[in-house]
Amino acid sequence: MKKLVGHGWLLTLALALGLTPALALWPAPSTAADQSIAADPVKAPITVFAAASLTNVLQEVGDAFTKETSIPVRFTFAASSALARQIENGSPADIFFSADLEWMDYLQTRNLIQPGTRHDVLGNRLVLIAPADSPLELEIEAHFPLLAALGKGRLSTGDPDSVPVGRYAREALGKLGVWDEIMDRLIRADSVRSALAFVDRGEAPLGIVYETDALIDKNVRMVGVFPAASHQPIVYPIALTGTARADAARFVAYVRGPAAAATFKAYGFTPLR
């Protein structure tokens, strides 16, 4: 019998078993990117778990970082609460970029981040939004008529029990003396982008999101900004996870650098230096 070479033995075996050649177990063709990563493992993507409110700006920052370093970045965007729990449950991530300090603290107390790599990077503002064509005018102050402004509708924001924007909203509305009257009228969204979408689609007459979210959606407008004293400062910390690859630190350094700061400013964030 002649010696079978290459994949010929697979085809011969498939025919002998009465299978069509298409059912033979051919290996999937590899792409040029796959071959490049296999030849140079450093080109495997850095995995970043980041708050949903960072979606647009981080994609731009990530592209710029990759262009400069040739290291690709892969993002997972969701509520900080969901991402922190995924990391706790073993989901592979090199970097956690949270929309509040509490969820970073949550991982730090469980020894799931590297404390020495933790930095506060950005600030934001809390705003009340309405559909772009809404004529509503409200001044956000103590005991302002939020319930009356809702009419028969509901207020969209993140779930106050877990999602950072919802926590800020509950604190602000509490200090302004209107939380008790509207707490049963909430749409408890699973992320700030979900809360934004309810107002964008006209399914909620009002919502509470971050200023940066309102700025990227032409279908909503800002009714007003919550007083800074009405809630804890909105701070976005970043840190390497306990299982981070070594070169992930380069992305953290880039995020804290001047090029990224200019991009963050363009999207309405306040870089913290």
Protein backbone atom coordinates (compact mmCIF):
# COMPACT_ATOMS: atom_id res chain seq x y z
CA MET A 1 0.00 0.00 0.00
CA LYS A 2 1.27 3.43 -0.84
CA LYS A 3 2.07 5.71 2.03
CA LEU A 4 -0.64 8.34 2.57
CA VAL A 5 0.67 11.87 2.96
CA GLY A 6 -0.86 15.18 4.09
CA HIS A 7 -4.62 14.96 4.60
CA GLY A 8 -5.06 12.13 2.07
CA TRP A 9 -5.53 9.51 4.78
CA LEU A 10 -8.48 11.43 6.22
CA LEU A 11 -10.21 11.49 2.84
CA THR A 12 -9.50 7.77 2.26
CA LEU A 13 -10.86 6.88 5.72
CA ALA A 14 -13.98 8.99 5.16
CA LEU A 15 -14.70 7.26 1.86
CA ALA A 16 -14.10 3.80 3.40
CA LEU A 17 -16.66 4.61 6.13
CA GLY A 18 -19.19 5.74 3.58
CA LEU A 19 -18.93 9.40 4.58
CA THR A 20 -18.90 12.27 2.15
CA PRO A 21 -15.58 14.07 1.95
CA ALA A 22 -17.19 17.13 3.52
CA LEU A 23 -17.67 15.18 6.76
CA ALA A 24 -13.98 14.40 7.12
CA LEU A 25 -12.40 16.26 10.02
CA TRP A 26 -10.49 18.92 8.15
CA PRO A 27 -8.81 21.53 10.33
CA ALA A 28 -10.33 25.01 10.02
CA PRO A 29 -8.26 27.34 7.87
CA SER A 30 -6.30 29.84 9.93
CA THR A 31 -6.39 33.55 9.24
CA ALA A 32 -3.34 35.73 8.85
CA ALA A 33 -4.17 37.28 12.26
CA ASP A 34 -4.32 33.82 13.88
CA GLN A 35 -0.95 32.90 12.36
CA SER A 36 0.54 36.21 13.51
CA ILE A 37 -0.66 35.70 17.11
CA ALA A 38 0.57 32.12 17.13
CA ALA A 39 3.99 33.23 15.92
CA ASP A 40 4.12 36.18 18.33
CA PRO A 41 1.99 35.56 21.49
CA VAL A 42 2.52 39.14 22.67
CA LYS A 43 0.03 40.15 19.95
CA ALA A 44 -2.80 38.31 21.68
CA PRO A 45 -5.37 40.92 22.76
CA ILE A 46 -5.28 42.61 26.13
CA THR A 47 -8.72 41.98 27.63
CA VAL A 48 -10.37 44.98 29.28
CA PHE A 49 -13.61 44.80 31.28
CA ALA A 50 -14.97 48.36 31.29
CA ALA A 51 -18.05 50.27 32.42
CA ALA A 52 -20.74 50.67 29.76
CA SER A 53 -20.43 54.46 29.85
CA LEU A 54 -16.88 54.11 28.49
CA THR A 55 -17.95 52.22 25.35
CA ASN A 56 -17.43 54.88 22.69
CA VAL A 57 -14.40 56.62 24.09
CA LEU A 58 -12.45 53.48 25.00
CA GLN A 59 -12.90 52.00 21.56
CA GLU A 60 -11.20 55.09 20.16
CA VAL A 61 -8.50 55.01 22.83
CA GLY A 62 -7.96 51.31 22.20
CA ASP A 63 -7.55 51.84 18.46
CA ALA A 64 -4.96 54.55 19.06
CA PHE A 65 -3.08 52.33 21.53
CA THR A 66 -3.00 49.44 19.07
CA LYS A 67 -1.77 51.72 16.28
CA GLU A 68 1.07 52.90 18.51
CA THR A 69 2.06 49.56 20.06
CA SER A 70 0.74 46.87 17.65
CA ILE A 71 -0.93 45.26 20.68
CA PRO A 72 -4.66 44.62 20.11
CA VAL A 73 -7.21 45.35 22.82
CA ARG A 74 -10.46 43.44 23.34
CA PHE A 75 -13.22 45.12 25.36
CA THR A 76 -16.19 43.81 27.29
CA PHE A 77 -18.60 46.61 28.22
CA ALA A 78 -21.36 46.25 30.83
CA ALA A 79 -22.38 47.59 34.22
CA SER A 80 -19.42 47.68 36.60
CA SER A 81 -21.35 45.43 38.98
CA ALA A 82 -21.80 42.71 36.36
CA LEU A 83 -18.17 42.89 35.28
CA ALA A 84 -16.83 42.73 38.83
CA ARG A 85 -18.88 39.64 39.51
CA GLN A 86 -17.69 38.04 36.29
CA ILE A 87 -14.09 38.61 37.36
CA GLU A 88 -14.92 37.19 40.78
CA ASN A 89 -16.33 34.10 39.07
CA GLY A 90 -13.17 33.56 37.06
CA SER A 91 -13.82 35.31 33.75
CA PRO A 92 -10.45 36.10 32.17
CA ALA A 93 -9.68 39.81 32.18
CA ASP A 94 -6.43 41.71 32.34
CA ILE A 95 -7.87 45.11 33.31
CA PHE A 96 -10.94 46.35 35.18
CA PHE A 97 -12.11 49.92 34.47
CA SER A 98 -15.01 50.74 36.78
CA ALA A 99 -17.56 53.58 36.86
CA ASP A 100 -17.33 53.84 40.64
CA LEU A 101 -15.01 53.15 43.53
CA GLU A 102 -17.24 50.62 45.27
CA TRP A 103 -16.95 47.86 42.68
CA MET A 104 -13.19 48.33 42.49
CA ASP A 105 -13.12 48.09 46.30
CA TYR A 106 -15.23 44.93 45.99
CA LEU A 107 -12.55 43.23 43.91
CA GLN A 108 -9.68 44.62 45.94
CA THR A 109 -11.03 43.22 49.21
CA ARG A 110 -11.17 39.83 47.49
CA ASN A 111 -7.56 40.13 46.28
CA LEU A 112 -8.66 40.06 42.64
CA ILE A 113 -6.83 43.20 41.52
CA GLN A 114 -3.24 44.36 41.98
CA PRO A 115 -3.60 47.28 44.43
CA GLY A 116 -0.39 48.97 43.32
CA THR A 117 -1.78 49.33 39.81
CA ARG A 118 -5.02 51.00 40.87
CA HIS A 119 -5.51 54.60 39.74
CA ASP A 120 -8.42 57.06 39.63
CA VAL A 121 -8.54 58.15 36.00
CA LEU A 122 -11.73 60.05 35.16
CA GLY A 123 -14.58 62.12 36.52
CA ASN A 124 -18.10 62.62 35.16
CA ARG A 125 -21.35 64.43 35.96
CA LEU A 126 -24.85 63.17 36.71
CA VAL A 127 -27.60 64.60 34.51
CA LEU A 128 -31.34 64.45 33.99
CA ILE A 129 -32.31 63.75 30.38
CA ALA A 130 -35.48 63.81 28.30
CA PRO A 131 -36.26 62.94 24.66
CA ALA A 132 -34.79 65.53 22.31
CA ASP A 133 -38.24 66.85 21.35
CA SER A 134 -39.50 67.17 24.92
CA PRO A 135 -40.42 70.75 25.91
CA LEU A 136 -39.89 70.00 29.63
CA GLU A 137 -37.93 72.49 31.71
CA LEU A 138 -36.86 71.68 35.29
CA GLU A 139 -34.44 73.26 37.71
CA ILE A 140 -32.76 70.55 39.74
CA GLU A 141 -32.88 71.71 43.34
CA ALA A 142 -34.28 70.61 46.70
CA HIS A 143 -37.80 69.21 46.38
CA PHE A 144 -38.00 69.93 42.66
CA PRO A 145 -41.25 68.62 41.04
CA LEU A 146 -39.81 65.45 39.49
CA LEU A 147 -42.87 63.31 40.15
CA ALA A 148 -45.17 65.82 38.46
CA ALA A 149 -42.80 66.02 35.49
CA LEU A 150 -43.00 62.25 35.04
CA GLY A 151 -46.77 62.36 34.61
CA LYS A 152 -47.84 58.76 34.05
CA GLY A 153 -44.36 57.75 32.92
CA ARG A 154 -41.38 56.33 34.76
CA LEU A 155 -37.84 57.47 35.47
CA SER A 156 -35.12 55.46 33.75
CA THR A 157 -31.78 54.92 35.48
CA GLY A 158 -29.51 52.11 36.57
CA ASP A 159 -30.68 49.68 39.21
CA PRO A 160 -29.80 51.51 42.47
CA ASP A 161 -29.04 48.22 44.18
CA SER A 162 -26.06 47.48 41.94
CA VAL A 163 -25.46 49.74 38.93
CA PRO A 164 -23.23 52.76 39.72
CA VAL A 165 -25.35 55.38 37.93
CA GLY A 166 -28.39 54.17 39.87
CA ARG A 167 -26.51 54.45 43.12
CA TYR A 168 -25.50 58.02 42.34
CA ALA A 169 -29.09 58.79 41.29
CA ARG A 170 -30.57 57.39 44.50
CA GLU A 171 -28.12 59.37 46.61
CA ALA A 172 -28.77 62.60 44.71
CA LEU A 173 -32.55 62.26 44.75
CA GLY A 174 -32.42 61.39 48.44
CA LYS A 175 -30.43 64.48 49.33
CA LEU A 176 -32.79 66.60 47.25
CA GLY A 177 -35.78 65.17 49.12
CA VAL A 178 -37.58 63.49 46.20
CA TRP A 179 -36.43 59.88 46.36
CA ASP A 180 -39.27 58.54 48.48
CA GLU A 181 -41.92 59.83 46.11
CA ILE A 182 -40.38 58.43 42.93
CA MET A 183 -38.66 55.23 44.09
CA ASP A 184 -41.60 53.11 42.92
CA ARG A 185 -41.61 54.82 39.53
CA LEU A 186 -38.18 53.65 38.37
CA ILE A 187 -37.13 51.67 35.35
CA ARG A 188 -34.24 49.78 36.94
CA ALA A 189 -31.95 49.31 33.95
CA ASP A 190 -29.05 46.85 33.98
CA SER A 191 -26.55 49.49 32.80
CA VAL A 192 -26.38 53.21 32.11
CA ARG A 193 -26.59 52.56 28.36
CA SER A 194 -29.79 50.60 28.87
CA ALA A 195 -31.19 53.49 30.90
CA LEU A 196 -30.22 55.87 28.10
CA ALA A 197 -31.96 53.66 25.53
CA PHE A 198 -35.34 53.87 27.29
CA VAL A 199 -35.31 57.66 26.91
CA ASP A 200 -33.82 57.51 23.42
CA ARG A 201 -36.74 55.33 22.27
CA GLY A 202 -39.32 57.53 24.00
CA GLU A 203 -40.29 54.76 26.42
CA ALA A 204 -39.47 56.93 29.43
CA PRO A 205 -40.07 60.69 29.68
CA LEU A 206 -37.02 61.22 31.89
CA GLY A 207 -33.82 59.45 32.81
CA ILE A 208 -30.73 59.89 34.93
CA VAL A 209 -27.44 59.07 33.23
CA TYR A 210 -23.92 60.46 32.98
CA GLU A 211 -23.28 63.63 31.03
CA THR A 212 -21.01 61.74 28.63
CA ASP A 213 -23.85 59.37 27.70
CA ALA A 214 -26.21 62.25 26.99
CA LEU A 215 -23.60 63.91 24.77
CA ILE A 216 -23.31 60.94 22.39
CA ASP A 217 -27.05 60.46 21.81
CA LYS A 218 -28.76 62.94 19.50
CA ASN A 219 -32.20 61.60 20.47
CA VAL A 220 -31.97 62.92 24.03
CA ARG A 221 -31.20 66.27 25.61
CA MET A 222 -29.98 67.31 29.03
CA VAL A 223 -32.65 68.92 31.19
CA GLY A 224 -30.20 69.73 33.94
CA VAL A 225 -27.08 68.73 35.87
CA PHE A 226 -27.35 67.44 39.44
CA PRO A 227 -25.47 69.55 41.99
CA ALA A 228 -22.07 68.05 42.74
CA ALA A 229 -22.84 68.19 46.47
CA SER A 230 -25.90 65.97 46.03
CA HIS A 231 -23.87 62.78 45.49
CA GLN A 232 -20.43 61.28 45.89
CA PRO A 233 -17.95 62.30 43.19
CA ILE A 234 -18.26 60.15 40.07
CA VAL A 235 -14.83 58.55 39.76
CA TYR A 236 -13.60 55.91 37.30
CA PRO A 237 -10.74 53.82 38.69
CA ILE A 238 -8.64 51.38 36.65
CA ALA A 239 -6.49 48.45 37.81
CA LEU A 240 -4.79 45.29 36.62
CA THR A 241 -6.47 42.09 37.71
CA GLY A 242 -4.59 39.48 39.67
CA THR A 243 -4.18 37.36 36.52
CA ALA A 244 -3.20 40.17 34.16
CA ARG A 245 -0.54 39.55 31.54
CA ALA A 246 2.60 41.62 31.97
CA ASP A 247 2.13 43.97 29.03
CA ALA A 248 -1.39 44.95 30.12
CA ALA A 249 0.32 47.59 32.25
CA ARG A 250 1.17 49.38 29.00
CA PHE A 251 -2.51 49.97 28.30
CA VAL A 252 -3.11 51.30 31.82
CA ALA A 253 -0.20 53.71 31.35
CA TYR A 254 -1.58 54.79 27.98
CA VAL A 255 -5.04 55.43 29.43
CA ARG A 256 -3.44 57.71 32.00
CA GLY A 257 -1.29 59.53 29.44
CA PRO A 258 -1.80 62.80 27.55
CA ALA A 259 -3.06 61.33 24.26
CA ALA A 260 -5.86 59.42 25.96
CA ALA A 261 -6.65 62.42 28.19
CA ALA A 262 -7.34 64.53 25.10
CA THR A 263 -9.74 61.88 23.80
CA PHE A 264 -11.51 61.59 27.13
CA LYS A 265 -11.97 65.37 27.24
CA ALA A 266 -13.45 65.33 23.74
CA TYR A 267 -16.12 62.92 24.96
CA GLY A 268 -16.94 65.04 28.03
CA PHE A 269 -15.00 63.20 30.72
CA THR A 270 -12.75 64.99 33.21
CA PRO A 271 -9.27 63.44 33.38
CA LEU A 272 -7.99 63.23 36.96
CA ARG A 273 -4.27 63.97 37.13
